[in-house]
C-alpha atoms as a PDB file:
ATOM      1  CA  MET A   1      29.964  34.146  26.149  1.00  0.00           C
ATOM      2  CA  ARG A   2      28.142  35.034  22.916  1.00  0.00           C
ATOM      3  CA  ARG A   3      30.401  32.730  20.934  1.00  0.00           C
ATOM      4  CA  GLN A   4      29.288  29.740  23.031  1.00  0.00           C
ATOM      5  CA  HIS A   5      25.612  30.555  22.364  1.00  0.00           C
ATOM      6  CA  GLY A   6      26.281  30.617  18.614  1.00  0.00           C
ATOM      7  CA  THR A   7      28.117  27.297  18.750  1.00  0.00           C
ATOM      8  CA  ALA A   8      25.303  25.690  20.766  1.00  0.00           C
ATOM      9  CA  LEU A   9      22.740  26.999  18.294  1.00  0.00           C
ATOM     10  CA  MET A  10      24.691  25.561  15.359  1.00  0.00           C
ATOM     11  CA  GLU A  11      24.950  22.191  17.117  1.00  0.00           C
ATOM     12  CA  ILE A  12      21.191  22.129  17.706  1.00  0.00           C
ATOM     13  CA  ILE A  13      20.513  23.005  14.058  1.00  0.00           C
ATOM     14  CA  ILE A  14      22.876  20.313  12.776  1.00  0.00           C
ATOM     15  CA  ILE A  15      21.476  17.645  15.112  1.00  0.00           C
ATOM     16  CA  GLY A  16      17.910  18.639  14.197  1.00  0.00           C
ATOM     17  CA  PHE A  17      18.737  18.366  10.495  1.00  0.00           C
ATOM     18  CA  ALA A  18      20.277  14.915  10.996  1.00  0.00           C
ATOM     19  CA  VAL A  19      17.233  13.723  12.939  1.00  0.00           C
ATOM     20  CA  MET A  20      14.886  15.012  10.227  1.00  0.00           C
ATOM     21  CA  MET A  21      16.917  13.194   7.570  1.00  0.00           C
ATOM     22  CA  MET A  22      16.301   9.982   9.505  1.00  0.00           C
ATOM     23  CA  VAL A  23      12.606  10.612  10.278  1.00  0.00           C
ATOM     24  CA  LEU A  24      11.339  11.895   6.901  1.00  0.00           C
ATOM     25  CA  PRO A  25      12.086   8.671   4.938  1.00  0.00           C
ATOM     26  CA  VAL A  26      10.299   6.624   7.611  1.00  0.00           C
ATOM     27  CA  ILE A  27       7.237   8.874   7.470  1.00  0.00           C
ATOM     28  CA  SER A  28       7.300   8.703   3.667  1.00  0.00           C
ATOM     29  CA  MET A  29       7.498   4.888   3.732  1.00  0.00           C
ATOM     30  CA  VAL A  30       4.552   4.617   6.113  1.00  0.00           C
ATOM     31  CA  ALA A  31       2.443   6.970   3.992  1.00  0.00           C
ATOM     32  CA  ARG A  32       3.193   5.147   0.731  1.00  0.00           C
ATOM     33  CA  LEU A  33       2.546   1.720   2.258  1.00  0.00           C
ATOM     34  CA  THR A  34      -0.747   2.917   3.734  1.00  0.00           C
ATOM     35  CA  GLU A  35      -1.857   4.340   0.391  1.00  0.00           C
ATOM     36  CA  ALA A  36      -0.852   1.176  -1.511  1.00  0.00           C
ATOM     37  CA  SER A  37      -2.563  -1.051   1.053  1.00  0.00           C
ATOM     38  CA  GLY A  38      -5.825   0.855   0.679  1.00  0.00           C
ATOM     39  CA  GLU A  39      -5.630   0.708  -3.115  1.00  0.00           C
ATOM     40  CA  VAL A  40      -4.878  -3.028  -3.172  1.00  0.00           C
ATOM     41  CA  HIS A  41      -7.685  -3.822  -0.745  1.00  0.00           C
ATOM     42  CA  ALA A  42     -10.174  -1.728  -2.752  1.00  0.00           C
ATOM     43  CA  VAL A  43      -9.256  -3.565  -5.966  1.00  0.00           C
ATOM     44  CA  ALA A  44      -9.560  -6.955  -4.239  1.00  0.00           C
ATOM     45  CA  ARG A  45     -12.927  -6.081  -2.706  1.00  0.00           C
ATOM     46  CA  ASP A  46     -14.366  -4.582  -5.896  1.00  0.00           C
ATOM     47  CA  THR A  47     -13.190  -7.529  -7.987  1.00  0.00           C
ATOM     48  CA  ALA A  48     -14.640 -10.068  -5.553  1.00  0.00           C
ATOM     49  CA  VAL A  49     -17.993  -8.277  -5.443  1.00  0.00           C
ATOM     50  CA  TRP A  50     -18.125  -8.004  -9.249  1.00  0.00           C
ATOM     51  CA  VAL A  51     -17.360 -11.693  -9.813  1.00  0.00           C
ATOM     52  CA  ALA A  52     -19.751 -12.811  -7.052  1.00  0.00           C
ATOM     53  CA  ARG A  53     -22.596 -10.758  -8.542  1.00  0.00           C
ATOM     54  CA  HIS A  54     -21.965 -11.075 -12.282  1.00  0.00           C
ATOM     55  CA  GLY A  55     -19.951 -14.273 -12.665  1.00  0.00           C
ATOM     56  CA  SER A  56     -17.497 -12.805 -15.161  1.00  0.00           C
ATOM     57  CA  ASP A  57     -14.029 -11.377 -14.835  1.00  0.00           C
ATOM     58  CA  PRO A  58     -13.959  -7.572 -14.657  1.00  0.00           C
ATOM     59  CA  GLN A  59     -11.503  -5.460 -16.657  1.00  0.00           C
ATOM     60  CA  ILE A  60      -8.683  -4.827 -14.212  1.00  0.00           C
ATOM     61  CA  GLY A  61      -6.071  -2.280 -15.143  1.00  0.00           C
ATOM     62  CA  GLY A  62      -3.222  -0.626 -13.355  1.00  0.00           C
ATOM     63  CA  GLU A  63      -0.351  -1.883 -11.284  1.00  0.00           C
ATOM     64  CA  VAL A  64      -2.307  -4.317  -9.102  1.00  0.00           C
ATOM     65  CA  ASP A  65      -2.000  -8.051  -9.826  1.00  0.00           C
ATOM     66  CA  VAL A  66      -5.200  -9.994  -9.143  1.00  0.00           C
ATOM     67  CA  ARG A  67      -5.667 -13.743  -8.674  1.00  0.00           C
ATOM     68  CA  LEU A  68      -9.180 -15.235  -8.619  1.00  0.00           C
ATOM     69  CA  VAL A  69     -10.115 -18.579  -7.064  1.00  0.00           C
ATOM     70  CA  GLU A  70     -13.701 -19.816  -7.260  1.00  0.00           C
ATOM     71  CA  ARG A  71     -14.568 -22.493  -4.742  1.00  0.00           C
ATOM     72  CA  ALA A  72     -17.897 -24.086  -3.883  1.00  0.00           C
ATOM     73  CA  GLY A  73     -20.056 -21.070  -3.173  1.00  0.00           C
ATOM     74  CA  THR A  74     -17.301 -18.498  -2.594  1.00  0.00           C
ATOM     75  CA  ILE A  75     -15.022 -16.208  -4.573  1.00  0.00           C
ATOM     76  CA  GLU A  76     -11.547 -15.562  -3.204  1.00  0.00           C
ATOM     77  CA  VAL A  77      -9.510 -12.688  -4.614  1.00  0.00           C
ATOM     78  CA  VAL A  78      -5.870 -12.078  -3.745  1.00  0.00           C
ATOM     79  CA  ALA A  79      -4.533  -8.736  -4.970  1.00  0.00           C
ATOM     80  CA  SER A  80      -0.918  -7.614  -4.692  1.00  0.00           C
ATOM     81  CA  ARG A  81       1.268  -4.720  -5.748  1.00  0.00           C
ATOM     82  CA  ASP A  82       4.984  -3.965  -5.468  1.00  0.00           C
ATOM     83  CA  VAL A  83       5.727  -0.611  -3.873  1.00  0.00           C
ATOM     84  CA  GLN A  84       9.060   1.128  -4.418  1.00  0.00           C
ATOM     85  CA  LEU A  85      10.248   2.934  -1.288  1.00  0.00           C
ATOM     86  CA  ILE A  86      13.229   5.058  -0.338  1.00  0.00           C
ATOM     87  CA  GLY A  87      14.754   3.990   2.953  1.00  0.00           C
ATOM     88  CA  VAL A  88      17.018   5.745   5.390  1.00  0.00           C
ATOM     89  CA  GLY A  89      20.181   6.853   3.642  1.00  0.00           C
ATOM     90  CA  GLY A  90      18.532   6.819   0.202  1.00  0.00           C
ATOM     91  CA  THR A  91      18.510   3.044  -0.262  1.00  0.00           C
ATOM     92  CA  ALA A  92      15.856   1.660  -2.621  1.00  0.00           C
ATOM     93  CA  ILE A  93      13.459  -0.821  -1.042  1.00  0.00           C
ATOM     94  CA  SER A  94      10.767  -2.876  -2.770  1.00  0.00           C
ATOM     95  CA  TRP A  95       7.841  -4.063  -0.644  1.00  0.00           C
ATOM     96  CA  THR A  96       4.867  -6.194  -1.732  1.00  0.00           C
ATOM     97  CA  VAL A  97       1.450  -5.263  -0.364  1.00  0.00           C
ATOM     98  CA  ARG A  98      -1.265  -7.964  -0.449  1.00  0.00           C
ATOM     99  CA  SER A  99      -4.943  -8.161   0.354  1.00  0.00           C
ATOM    100  CA  ARG A 100      -7.223 -11.211   0.414  1.00  0.00           C
ATOM    101  CA  VAL A 101     -11.016 -10.956   0.175  1.00  0.00           C
ATOM    102  CA  GLU A 102     -13.492 -13.829   0.248  1.00  0.00           C
ATOM    103  CA  ILE A 103     -17.166 -13.297  -0.652  1.00  0.00           C
ATOM    104  CA  PRO A 104     -20.040 -15.775  -1.063  1.00  0.00           C
ATOM    105  CA  VAL A 105     -21.401 -16.149  -4.586  1.00  0.00           C
ATOM    106  CA  SER A 106     -24.752 -14.479  -5.179  1.00  0.00           C
ATOM    107  CA  LEU A 107     -27.558 -16.974  -5.767  1.00  0.00           C
ATOM    108  CA  TYR A 108     -29.079 -14.703  -8.404  1.00  0.00           C
ATOM    109  CA  ARG A 109     -26.287 -13.344 -10.579  1.00  0.00           C
ATOM    110  CA  SER A 110     -27.074 -10.358 -12.774  1.00  0.00           C
ATOM    111  CA  ARG A 111     -25.842  -9.630 -16.259  1.00  0.00           C
ATOM    112  CA  PRO A 112     -22.922  -7.193 -16.651  1.00  0.00           C
END
């Protein structure tokens, strides 16, 4: 009887380990994508506000690519970043996160 309890316990431990190996990469991917999305949106917003207020391109550094489009009365900023993820089974996945922000140009621009 005791031998069956030990076998059942080992089966539960092995199944639990296998489930965790499937769930942890998914949780990691969601966390990294959420972090990258917030960073990209912050860069897009800050860049759009800077250009709308000052009229000049800000110094943008880091891993985020920024594209500016100035139309009649508005500034559109599209920021993007490639995020390297580890998928289920250890496969490498690359995902691009983008954010688009559009802001009206300030009538009274200030000097930087």
